[in-house]
Amino acid sequence: MFVIRTACREDVPAILRLLQGAGVREDGVDKHPERFWVMEEIGESPRIAGTIGMEVYGRAGLLRSFVVERGRWNPQMGVQFLLVALSAAREQGIDELYLAAPGSFPLFEAIGFSAADASELPEPIRRSEHLKEAERSGEIRVMRCLLSRVLAGDGGAAPSSLQRDPAEGDGKGDGSSGSRE
């Protein structure tokens, strides 16, 4: 069983381990752990098995660092983890999310992300280090998601098999989410 919750300072080493293992950017985690969610495996020895991060630019967000340990990944769990993060982002005032990375993203397309032109990105996102790094790595794909459309009808509720930690309270913080890079 897993619990999804907003990351805290104590989670930074585990998040960095996941990001390093996946070969993705790890800058900013120590400065803004509250902009990451973690998927924590519950048991005798609780451990963080996944993370999603988000850079916040006003009412827009840039997903980054969606990583789940290989041995823990399955498509249903990935969708549920992502939907919990998107719901929490919406609760925190984010209206639209973007992602930019090389490759194909059938998981994101399945939940409502669609292709976007880099020129459609809000200016602060175009200037972000994450986007610049993605562009330096080669051909990137940019996608956009309007949270009001993706989350319509779910009332922002977390899927029943992956609930947010009740100790989280109302989830109103200053942002977080992520993308698999």
N, C-alpha and C. Protein backbone atom coordinates (compact mmCIF):
# COMPACT_ATOMS: atom_id res chain seq x y z
N MET A 1 0.85 -1.19 0.00
CA MET A 1 0.00 0.00 0.00
C MET A 1 0.89 1.24 0.00
N PHE A 2 0.41 2.27 -0.67
CA PHE A 2 1.14 3.52 -0.78
C PHE A 2 0.30 4.67 -0.26
N VAL A 3 1.00 5.67 0.25
CA VAL A 3 0.39 6.94 0.62
C VAL A 3 1.09 8.01 -0.19
N ILE A 4 0.31 8.93 -0.74
CA ILE A 4 0.88 10.05 -1.48
C ILE A 4 0.72 11.29 -0.62
N ARG A 5 1.80 12.02 -0.48
CA ARG A 5 1.78 13.21 0.37
C ARG A 5 2.77 14.24 -0.16
N THR A 6 2.61 15.47 0.30
CA THR A 6 3.56 16.51 -0.03
C THR A 6 4.87 16.20 0.67
N ALA A 7 5.96 16.39 -0.04
CA ALA A 7 7.28 16.11 0.53
C ALA A 7 7.63 17.14 1.60
N CYS A 8 8.54 16.73 2.48
CA CYS A 8 9.06 17.62 3.52
C CYS A 8 10.59 17.55 3.48
N ARG A 9 11.25 18.38 4.24
CA ARG A 9 12.72 18.44 4.24
C ARG A 9 13.36 17.07 4.47
N GLU A 10 12.76 16.27 5.35
CA GLU A 10 13.31 14.96 5.67
C GLU A 10 13.29 14.01 4.47
N ASP A 11 12.46 14.31 3.49
CA ASP A 11 12.34 13.46 2.29
C ASP A 11 13.39 13.77 1.23
N VAL A 12 14.09 14.89 1.36
CA VAL A 12 15.02 15.33 0.31
C VAL A 12 16.03 14.26 -0.06
N PRO A 13 16.72 13.59 0.90
CA PRO A 13 17.69 12.56 0.48
C PRO A 13 17.06 11.44 -0.35
N ALA A 14 15.87 10.99 0.02
CA ALA A 14 15.20 9.92 -0.74
C ALA A 14 14.79 10.41 -2.12
N ILE A 15 14.31 11.65 -2.21
CA ILE A 15 13.94 12.21 -3.52
C ILE A 15 15.18 12.32 -4.40
N LEU A 16 16.27 12.82 -3.84
CA LEU A 16 17.51 12.94 -4.62
C LEU A 16 17.99 11.57 -5.10
N ARG A 17 17.87 10.54 -4.27
CA ARG A 17 18.25 9.18 -4.65
C ARG A 17 17.45 8.73 -5.87
N LEU A 18 16.13 8.96 -5.83
CA LEU A 18 15.28 8.58 -6.96
C LEU A 18 15.66 9.34 -8.23
N LEU A 19 15.85 10.66 -8.11
CA LEU A 19 16.17 11.47 -9.28
C LEU A 19 17.53 11.10 -9.86
N GLN A 20 18.52 10.88 -8.98
CA GLN A 20 19.85 10.47 -9.45
C GLN A 20 19.77 9.13 -10.16
N GLY A 21 19.02 8.19 -9.58
CA GLY A 21 18.87 6.87 -10.19
C GLY A 21 18.22 6.92 -11.56
N ALA A 22 17.35 7.90 -11.77
CA ALA A 22 16.66 8.04 -13.06
C ALA A 22 17.43 8.94 -14.02
N GLY A 23 18.48 9.58 -13.54
CA GLY A 23 19.28 10.46 -14.39
C GLY A 23 18.58 11.75 -14.77
N VAL A 24 17.74 12.28 -13.86
CA VAL A 24 17.03 13.53 -14.15
C VAL A 24 17.52 14.64 -13.22
N ARG A 25 17.17 15.87 -13.58
CA ARG A 25 17.60 17.05 -12.83
C ARG A 25 17.17 16.95 -11.38
N GLU A 26 18.07 17.34 -10.50
CA GLU A 26 17.75 17.31 -9.07
C GLU A 26 17.86 18.68 -8.41
N ASP A 27 18.21 19.70 -9.18
CA ASP A 27 18.34 21.03 -8.60
C ASP A 27 16.99 21.55 -8.11
N GLY A 28 17.03 22.27 -7.02
CA GLY A 28 15.83 22.88 -6.47
C GLY A 28 15.08 22.05 -5.46
N VAL A 29 15.36 20.75 -5.39
CA VAL A 29 14.64 19.89 -4.43
C VAL A 29 14.90 20.36 -3.01
N ASP A 30 16.16 20.64 -2.70
CA ASP A 30 16.50 21.06 -1.34
C ASP A 30 15.93 22.44 -1.00
N LYS A 31 15.72 23.29 -2.01
CA LYS A 31 15.17 24.63 -1.76
C LYS A 31 13.65 24.62 -1.67
N HIS A 32 13.01 23.72 -2.41
CA HIS A 32 11.54 23.69 -2.46
C HIS A 32 10.98 22.27 -2.37
N PRO A 33 11.25 21.56 -1.27
CA PRO A 33 10.70 20.20 -1.19
C PRO A 33 9.17 20.19 -1.18
N GLU A 34 8.57 21.30 -0.76
CA GLU A 34 7.10 21.37 -0.73
C GLU A 34 6.49 21.40 -2.12
N ARG A 35 7.32 21.50 -3.15
CA ARG A 35 6.83 21.47 -4.53
C ARG A 35 6.98 20.08 -5.15
N PHE A 36 7.18 19.11 -4.28
CA PHE A 36 7.27 17.71 -4.71
C PHE A 36 6.27 16.90 -3.92
N TRP A 37 5.74 15.87 -4.55
CA TRP A 37 4.94 14.88 -3.84
C TRP A 37 5.74 13.60 -3.82
N VAL A 38 5.51 12.81 -2.82
CA VAL A 38 6.16 11.51 -2.73
C VAL A 38 5.11 10.42 -2.62
N MET A 39 5.46 9.27 -3.15
CA MET A 39 4.65 8.08 -3.00
C MET A 39 5.42 7.19 -2.02
N GLU A 40 4.87 7.07 -0.84
CA GLU A 40 5.56 6.34 0.21
C GLU A 40 4.93 4.96 0.40
N GLU A 41 5.77 3.95 0.31
CA GLU A 41 5.31 2.58 0.54
C GLU A 41 5.21 2.38 2.05
N ILE A 42 4.03 1.95 2.49
CA ILE A 42 3.78 1.77 3.92
C ILE A 42 4.10 0.33 4.28
N GLY A 43 4.66 0.13 5.45
CA GLY A 43 5.00 -1.20 5.93
C GLY A 43 5.92 -1.09 7.12
N GLU A 44 6.60 -2.19 7.42
CA GLU A 44 7.52 -2.19 8.56
C GLU A 44 8.60 -1.14 8.40
N SER A 45 9.10 -1.01 7.19
CA SER A 45 10.13 -0.01 6.89
C SER A 45 9.60 0.91 5.80
N PRO A 46 8.82 1.94 6.15
CA PRO A 46 8.28 2.84 5.12
C PRO A 46 9.42 3.42 4.28
N ARG A 47 9.15 3.53 2.98
CA ARG A 47 10.17 4.10 2.10
C ARG A 47 9.51 4.82 0.94
N ILE A 48 10.21 5.81 0.44
CA ILE A 48 9.70 6.59 -0.69
C ILE A 48 10.07 5.85 -1.97
N ALA A 49 9.04 5.52 -2.75
CA ALA A 49 9.22 4.74 -3.98
C ALA A 49 8.96 5.57 -5.23
N GLY A 50 8.50 6.82 -5.07
CA GLY A 50 8.23 7.65 -6.23
C GLY A 50 8.13 9.11 -5.85
N THR A 51 8.30 9.97 -6.84
CA THR A 51 8.19 11.41 -6.60
C THR A 51 7.70 12.09 -7.88
N ILE A 52 7.04 13.22 -7.68
CA ILE A 52 6.63 14.10 -8.76
C ILE A 52 6.95 15.52 -8.30
N GLY A 53 7.54 16.32 -9.16
CA GLY A 53 7.86 17.70 -8.81
C GLY A 53 7.20 18.68 -9.77
N MET A 54 7.05 19.92 -9.33
CA MET A 54 6.46 20.94 -10.18
C MET A 54 7.09 22.29 -9.89
N GLU A 55 7.43 22.98 -10.93
CA GLU A 55 7.84 24.38 -10.80
C GLU A 55 6.58 25.22 -10.95
N VAL A 56 6.44 26.23 -10.11
CA VAL A 56 5.23 27.04 -10.10
C VAL A 56 5.53 28.43 -10.66
N TYR A 57 4.68 28.86 -11.60
CA TYR A 57 4.80 30.18 -12.24
C TYR A 57 3.41 30.81 -12.23
N GLY A 58 3.04 31.43 -11.13
CA GLY A 58 1.71 32.02 -11.01
C GLY A 58 0.67 30.92 -10.99
N ARG A 59 -0.25 30.95 -11.96
CA ARG A 59 -1.31 29.94 -12.04
C ARG A 59 -0.97 28.81 -13.01
N ALA A 60 0.29 28.80 -13.48
CA ALA A 60 0.77 27.74 -14.38
C ALA A 60 1.86 26.96 -13.67
N GLY A 61 2.00 25.71 -14.04
CA GLY A 61 3.04 24.87 -13.48
C GLY A 61 3.76 24.13 -14.57
N LEU A 62 5.00 23.76 -14.30
CA LEU A 62 5.81 22.97 -15.21
C LEU A 62 6.15 21.68 -14.50
N LEU A 63 5.61 20.57 -14.99
CA LEU A 63 5.87 19.27 -14.40
C LEU A 63 7.30 18.86 -14.64
N ARG A 64 7.86 18.23 -13.64
CA ARG A 64 9.21 17.72 -13.76
C ARG A 64 9.39 16.57 -12.77
N SER A 65 10.32 15.75 -13.08
CA SER A 65 10.76 14.73 -12.12
C SER A 65 9.68 13.76 -11.68
N PHE A 66 8.95 13.18 -12.61
CA PHE A 66 8.00 12.12 -12.29
C PHE A 66 8.77 10.82 -12.39
N VAL A 67 9.11 10.28 -11.23
CA VAL A 67 9.95 9.09 -11.16
C VAL A 67 9.34 8.11 -10.18
N VAL A 68 9.25 6.86 -10.60
CA VAL A 68 8.82 5.76 -9.73
C VAL A 68 9.84 4.65 -9.91
N GLU A 69 10.26 4.03 -8.80
CA GLU A 69 11.20 2.92 -8.88
C GLU A 69 10.67 1.86 -9.83
N ARG A 70 11.56 1.31 -10.63
CA ARG A 70 11.17 0.30 -11.62
C ARG A 70 10.38 -0.85 -11.00
N GLY A 71 10.82 -1.37 -9.92
CA GLY A 71 10.16 -2.50 -9.29
C GLY A 71 8.79 -2.18 -8.71
N ARG A 72 8.47 -0.90 -8.61
CA ARG A 72 7.19 -0.48 -8.04
C ARG A 72 6.22 0.04 -9.10
N TRP A 73 6.69 0.23 -10.32
CA TRP A 73 5.88 0.85 -11.36
C TRP A 73 4.84 -0.11 -11.92
N ASN A 74 3.64 0.42 -12.10
CA ASN A 74 2.63 -0.23 -12.95
C ASN A 74 1.76 0.91 -13.47
N PRO A 75 1.19 0.75 -14.66
CA PRO A 75 0.45 1.86 -15.28
C PRO A 75 -0.70 2.40 -14.43
N GLN A 76 -1.47 1.54 -13.80
CA GLN A 76 -2.60 2.01 -12.98
C GLN A 76 -2.10 2.87 -11.83
N MET A 77 -1.06 2.40 -11.15
CA MET A 77 -0.50 3.18 -10.04
C MET A 77 0.06 4.50 -10.55
N GLY A 78 0.71 4.48 -11.73
CA GLY A 78 1.26 5.72 -12.28
C GLY A 78 0.18 6.75 -12.55
N VAL A 79 -0.93 6.32 -13.14
CA VAL A 79 -2.05 7.23 -13.40
C VAL A 79 -2.60 7.77 -12.09
N GLN A 80 -2.79 6.90 -11.11
CA GLN A 80 -3.34 7.34 -9.83
C GLN A 80 -2.41 8.34 -9.14
N PHE A 81 -1.12 8.06 -9.15
CA PHE A 81 -0.14 8.97 -8.54
C PHE A 81 -0.21 10.33 -9.24
N LEU A 82 -0.23 10.32 -10.55
CA LEU A 82 -0.28 11.56 -11.31
C LEU A 82 -1.57 12.32 -11.05
N LEU A 83 -2.71 11.63 -11.01
CA LEU A 83 -3.98 12.31 -10.76
C LEU A 83 -4.06 12.92 -9.36
N VAL A 84 -3.49 12.26 -8.37
CA VAL A 84 -3.46 12.84 -7.02
C VAL A 84 -2.64 14.13 -7.04
N ALA A 85 -1.49 14.10 -7.71
CA ALA A 85 -0.65 15.30 -7.80
C ALA A 85 -1.36 16.42 -8.56
N LEU A 86 -2.04 16.08 -9.66
CA LEU A 86 -2.76 17.10 -10.43
C LEU A 86 -3.90 17.69 -9.61
N SER A 87 -4.59 16.87 -8.86
CA SER A 87 -5.68 17.35 -8.02
C SER A 87 -5.16 18.30 -6.95
N ALA A 88 -4.05 17.94 -6.33
CA ALA A 88 -3.46 18.82 -5.31
C ALA A 88 -2.97 20.12 -5.93
N ALA A 89 -2.41 20.06 -7.13
CA ALA A 89 -1.98 21.28 -7.82
C ALA A 89 -3.17 22.19 -8.07
N ARG A 90 -4.28 21.61 -8.49
CA ARG A 90 -5.50 22.39 -8.74
C ARG A 90 -5.97 23.05 -7.46
N GLU A 91 -5.95 22.32 -6.35
CA GLU A 91 -6.35 22.87 -5.05
C GLU A 91 -5.47 24.05 -4.65
N GLN A 92 -4.24 24.06 -5.16
CA GLN A 92 -3.28 25.11 -4.81
C GLN A 92 -3.33 26.27 -5.80
N GLY A 93 -4.32 26.27 -6.70
CA GLY A 93 -4.51 27.41 -7.58
C GLY A 93 -3.88 27.29 -8.95
N ILE A 94 -3.32 26.13 -9.29
CA ILE A 94 -2.73 25.95 -10.62
C ILE A 94 -3.86 25.63 -11.60
N ASP A 95 -3.91 26.36 -12.71
CA ASP A 95 -4.94 26.15 -13.74
C ASP A 95 -4.46 25.29 -14.89
N GLU A 96 -3.19 25.47 -15.26
CA GLU A 96 -2.68 24.71 -16.39
C GLU A 96 -1.28 24.22 -16.09
N LEU A 97 -0.99 23.03 -16.63
CA LEU A 97 0.32 22.43 -16.44
C LEU A 97 0.95 22.15 -17.79
N TYR A 98 2.26 22.24 -17.82
CA TYR A 98 3.03 21.95 -19.02
C TYR A 98 4.08 20.92 -18.66
N LEU A 99 4.53 20.22 -19.66
CA LEU A 99 5.70 19.37 -19.50
C LEU A 99 6.50 19.47 -20.78
N ALA A 100 7.80 19.31 -20.65
CA ALA A 100 8.69 19.39 -21.80
C ALA A 100 9.84 18.43 -21.56
N ALA A 101 9.92 17.43 -22.41
CA ALA A 101 10.99 16.44 -22.29
C ALA A 101 11.05 15.67 -23.61
N PRO A 102 12.17 15.00 -23.84
CA PRO A 102 12.24 14.17 -25.05
C PRO A 102 11.37 12.93 -24.88
N GLY A 103 10.87 12.41 -25.96
CA GLY A 103 10.16 11.15 -25.91
C GLY A 103 8.67 11.25 -26.13
N SER A 104 8.02 10.12 -25.89
CA SER A 104 6.58 9.98 -26.06
C SER A 104 5.94 9.87 -24.68
N PHE A 105 4.70 10.35 -24.55
CA PHE A 105 4.05 10.38 -23.24
C PHE A 105 2.64 9.83 -23.28
N PRO A 106 2.47 8.56 -23.59
CA PRO A 106 1.11 8.01 -23.66
C PRO A 106 0.36 8.11 -22.34
N LEU A 107 1.05 8.02 -21.22
CA LEU A 107 0.39 8.15 -19.92
C LEU A 107 -0.24 9.54 -19.79
N PHE A 108 0.50 10.57 -20.15
CA PHE A 108 0.00 11.93 -20.03
C PHE A 108 -1.13 12.18 -21.03
N GLU A 109 -0.98 11.66 -22.23
CA GLU A 109 -2.05 11.80 -23.23
C GLU A 109 -3.33 11.13 -22.75
N ALA A 110 -3.19 9.99 -22.10
CA ALA A 110 -4.35 9.24 -21.63
C ALA A 110 -5.16 10.00 -20.59
N ILE A 111 -4.50 10.89 -19.83
CA ILE A 111 -5.25 11.62 -18.81
C ILE A 111 -5.62 13.03 -19.24
N GLY A 112 -5.29 13.42 -20.47
CA GLY A 112 -5.77 14.70 -20.96
C GLY A 112 -4.74 15.73 -21.37
N PHE A 113 -3.45 15.39 -21.35
CA PHE A 113 -2.45 16.31 -21.87
C PHE A 113 -2.50 16.25 -23.39
N SER A 114 -2.23 17.37 -24.03
CA SER A 114 -2.20 17.40 -25.49
C SER A 114 -0.96 18.17 -25.94
N ALA A 115 -0.56 17.91 -27.17
CA ALA A 115 0.62 18.55 -27.72
C ALA A 115 0.44 20.07 -27.73
N ALA A 116 1.52 20.75 -27.47
CA ALA A 116 1.52 22.22 -27.49
C ALA A 116 2.81 22.67 -28.18
N ASP A 117 2.75 23.82 -28.77
CA ASP A 117 3.93 24.39 -29.39
C ASP A 117 4.70 25.15 -28.31
N ALA A 118 6.00 25.09 -28.37
CA ALA A 118 6.82 25.79 -27.37
C ALA A 118 6.48 27.28 -27.31
N SER A 119 6.01 27.85 -28.43
CA SER A 119 5.66 29.27 -28.45
C SER A 119 4.42 29.56 -27.60
N GLU A 120 3.63 28.52 -27.27
CA GLU A 120 2.44 28.69 -26.45
C GLU A 120 2.74 28.74 -24.95
N LEU A 121 3.97 28.39 -24.59
CA LEU A 121 4.33 28.39 -23.17
C LEU A 121 4.33 29.80 -22.60
N PRO A 122 3.85 29.96 -21.37
CA PRO A 122 3.97 31.27 -20.72
C PRO A 122 5.45 31.67 -20.64
N GLU A 123 5.70 32.94 -20.74
CA GLU A 123 7.07 33.45 -20.76
C GLU A 123 7.94 32.94 -19.60
N PRO A 124 7.46 32.94 -18.35
CA PRO A 124 8.32 32.46 -17.26
C PRO A 124 8.73 30.99 -17.44
N ILE A 125 7.86 30.18 -18.02
CA ILE A 125 8.20 28.78 -18.25
C ILE A 125 9.23 28.68 -19.37
N ARG A 126 9.09 29.51 -20.40
CA ARG A 126 10.08 29.51 -21.48
C ARG A 126 11.47 29.86 -20.97
N ARG A 127 11.54 30.65 -19.91
CA ARG A 127 12.83 31.06 -19.35
C ARG A 127 13.34 30.09 -18.28
N SER A 128 12.58 29.07 -17.94
CA SER A 128 12.97 28.18 -16.84
C SER A 128 14.18 27.33 -17.19
N GLU A 129 14.98 27.02 -16.20
CA GLU A 129 16.15 26.16 -16.41
C GLU A 129 15.73 24.77 -16.84
N HIS A 130 14.61 24.29 -16.33
CA HIS A 130 14.14 22.96 -16.70
C HIS A 130 13.89 22.89 -18.21
N LEU A 131 13.23 23.87 -18.77
CA LEU A 131 12.96 23.88 -20.20
C LEU A 131 14.26 24.02 -20.98
N LYS A 132 15.13 24.91 -20.54
CA LYS A 132 16.42 25.09 -21.23
C LYS A 132 17.22 23.79 -21.24
N GLU A 133 17.22 23.08 -20.11
CA GLU A 133 17.94 21.81 -20.02
C GLU A 133 17.31 20.77 -20.94
N ALA A 134 15.99 20.71 -20.98
CA ALA A 134 15.31 19.78 -21.88
C ALA A 134 15.66 20.08 -23.34
N GLU A 135 15.71 21.37 -23.69
CA GLU A 135 16.05 21.75 -25.06
C GLU A 135 17.49 21.37 -25.40
N ARG A 136 18.41 21.53 -24.42
CA ARG A 136 19.81 21.17 -24.65
C ARG A 136 19.98 19.66 -24.85
N SER A 137 19.08 18.87 -24.26
CA SER A 137 19.21 17.42 -24.35
C SER A 137 18.79 16.87 -25.70
N GLY A 138 18.25 17.70 -26.54
CA GLY A 138 17.84 17.24 -27.87
C GLY A 138 16.42 17.63 -28.17
N GLU A 139 15.81 16.87 -29.05
CA GLU A 139 14.43 17.16 -29.46
C GLU A 139 13.48 16.94 -28.29
N ILE A 140 12.66 17.95 -28.00
CA ILE A 140 11.72 17.83 -26.89
C ILE A 140 10.29 17.87 -27.41
N ARG A 141 9.43 17.37 -26.59
CA ARG A 141 8.00 17.43 -26.86
C ARG A 141 7.37 18.25 -25.75
N VAL A 142 6.55 19.20 -26.12
CA VAL A 142 5.87 20.06 -25.14
C VAL A 142 4.41 19.64 -25.10
N MET A 143 3.88 19.49 -23.89
CA MET A 143 2.48 19.13 -23.72
C MET A 143 1.84 20.07 -22.71
N ARG A 144 0.51 20.21 -22.83
CA ARG A 144 -0.25 21.13 -21.98
C ARG A 144 -1.49 20.41 -21.45
N CYS A 145 -1.88 20.78 -20.25
CA CYS A 145 -3.06 20.20 -19.63
C CYS A 145 -3.82 21.29 -18.89
N LEU A 146 -5.11 21.42 -19.20
CA LEU A 146 -5.97 22.32 -18.45
C LEU A 146 -6.59 21.49 -17.32
N LEU A 147 -6.25 21.81 -16.09
CA LEU A 147 -6.69 20.99 -14.96
C LEU A 147 -8.20 20.95 -14.81
N SER A 148 -8.87 22.03 -15.17
CA SER A 148 -10.33 22.04 -15.04
C SER A 148 -10.96 20.97 -15.93
N ARG A 149 -10.34 20.67 -17.07
CA ARG A 149 -10.87 19.63 -17.96
C ARG A 149 -10.51 18.23 -17.47
N VAL A 150 -9.27 18.04 -17.09
CA VAL A 150 -8.80 16.73 -16.66
C VAL A 150 -9.49 16.29 -15.38
N LEU A 151 -9.71 17.23 -14.48
CA LEU A 151 -10.25 16.88 -13.17
C LEU A 151 -11.75 17.09 -13.08
N ALA A 152 -12.41 17.46 -14.16
CA ALA A 152 -13.86 17.66 -14.16
C ALA A 152 -14.55 16.37 -13.75
N GLY A 153 -15.45 16.50 -12.79
CA GLY A 153 -16.23 15.35 -12.38
C GLY A 153 -15.62 14.54 -11.26
N ASP A 154 -14.30 14.74 -10.97
CA ASP A 154 -13.76 13.95 -9.87
C ASP A 154 -13.76 14.72 -8.57
N GLY A 155 -14.16 15.99 -8.62
CA GLY A 155 -14.22 16.79 -7.41
C GLY A 155 -12.89 16.95 -6.73
N GLY A 156 -11.81 16.61 -7.45
CA GLY A 156 -10.48 16.73 -6.86
C GLY A 156 -10.17 15.59 -5.91
N ALA A 157 -11.01 14.57 -5.86
CA ALA A 157 -10.80 13.48 -4.92
C ALA A 157 -9.66 12.58 -5.38
N ALA A 158 -8.92 12.09 -4.43
CA ALA A 158 -7.85 11.15 -4.72
C ALA A 158 -8.46 9.79 -5.03
N PRO A 159 -7.88 9.04 -5.96
CA PRO A 159 -8.36 7.70 -6.23
C PRO A 159 -8.34 6.87 -4.95
N SER A 160 -9.31 5.98 -4.80
CA SER A 160 -9.47 5.25 -3.54
C SER A 160 -8.29 4.38 -3.17
N SER A 161 -7.55 3.85 -4.14
CA SER A 161 -6.45 2.96 -3.79
C SER A 161 -5.18 3.69 -3.40
N LEU A 162 -5.11 4.98 -3.65
CA LEU A 162 -3.96 5.79 -3.25
C LEU A 162 -4.48 7.06 -2.61
N GLN A 163 -4.61 7.08 -1.34
CA GLN A 163 -5.16 8.24 -0.66
C GLN A 163 -4.03 9.14 -0.16
N ARG A 164 -4.31 10.41 -0.12
CA ARG A 164 -3.37 11.35 0.47
C ARG A 164 -3.34 11.12 1.96
N ASP A 165 -2.22 11.40 2.56
CA ASP A 165 -2.04 11.27 3.99
C ASP A 165 -3.00 12.21 4.71
N PRO A 166 -3.86 11.70 5.62
CA PRO A 166 -4.80 12.58 6.32
C PRO A 166 -4.11 13.67 7.12
N ALA A 167 -2.87 13.46 7.50
CA ALA A 167 -2.14 14.47 8.26
C ALA A 167 -1.81 15.68 7.40
N GLU A 168 -2.00 15.55 6.09
CA GLU A 168 -1.71 16.64 5.17
C GLU A 168 -2.64 17.83 5.33
N GLY A 169 -3.80 17.65 5.91
CA GLY A 169 -4.74 18.75 6.03
C GLY A 169 -5.37 19.03 4.69
N ASP A 170 -5.58 20.31 4.38
CA ASP A 170 -6.30 20.68 3.16
C ASP A 170 -5.43 20.73 1.91
N GLY A 171 -4.12 20.48 2.03
CA GLY A 171 -3.25 20.44 0.86
C GLY A 171 -2.93 21.80 0.29
N LYS A 172 -3.30 22.88 0.97
CA LYS A 172 -3.02 24.21 0.43
C LYS A 172 -1.62 24.63 0.83
N GLY A 173 -0.72 24.56 -0.12
CA GLY A 173 0.65 24.96 0.11
C GLY A 173 1.06 25.82 -1.06
N ASP A 174 2.35 25.80 -1.40
CA ASP A 174 2.70 26.62 -2.56
C ASP A 174 3.19 25.80 -3.74
N GLY A 175 2.61 24.63 -3.91
CA GLY A 175 2.71 23.94 -5.18
C GLY A 175 3.58 22.71 -5.24
N SER A 176 3.29 21.79 -6.15
CA SER A 176 4.14 20.68 -6.55
C SER A 176 3.46 19.70 -7.47
N SER A 177 4.23 19.08 -8.35
CA SER A 177 3.78 18.02 -9.26
C SER A 177 4.95 17.55 -10.09
N GLY A 178 4.75 16.82 -11.21
CA GLY A 178 5.90 16.33 -11.91
C GLY A 178 5.70 15.70 -13.25
N SER A 179 6.84 15.38 -13.94
CA SER A 179 6.76 14.69 -15.21
C SER A 179 7.90 13.70 -15.30
N ARG A 180 7.63 12.62 -15.97
CA ARG A 180 8.66 11.63 -16.16
C ARG A 180 9.59 12.13 -17.25
N GLU A 181 10.87 12.19 -16.95
CA GLU A 181 11.84 12.74 -17.89
C GLU A 181 12.68 11.64 -18.49
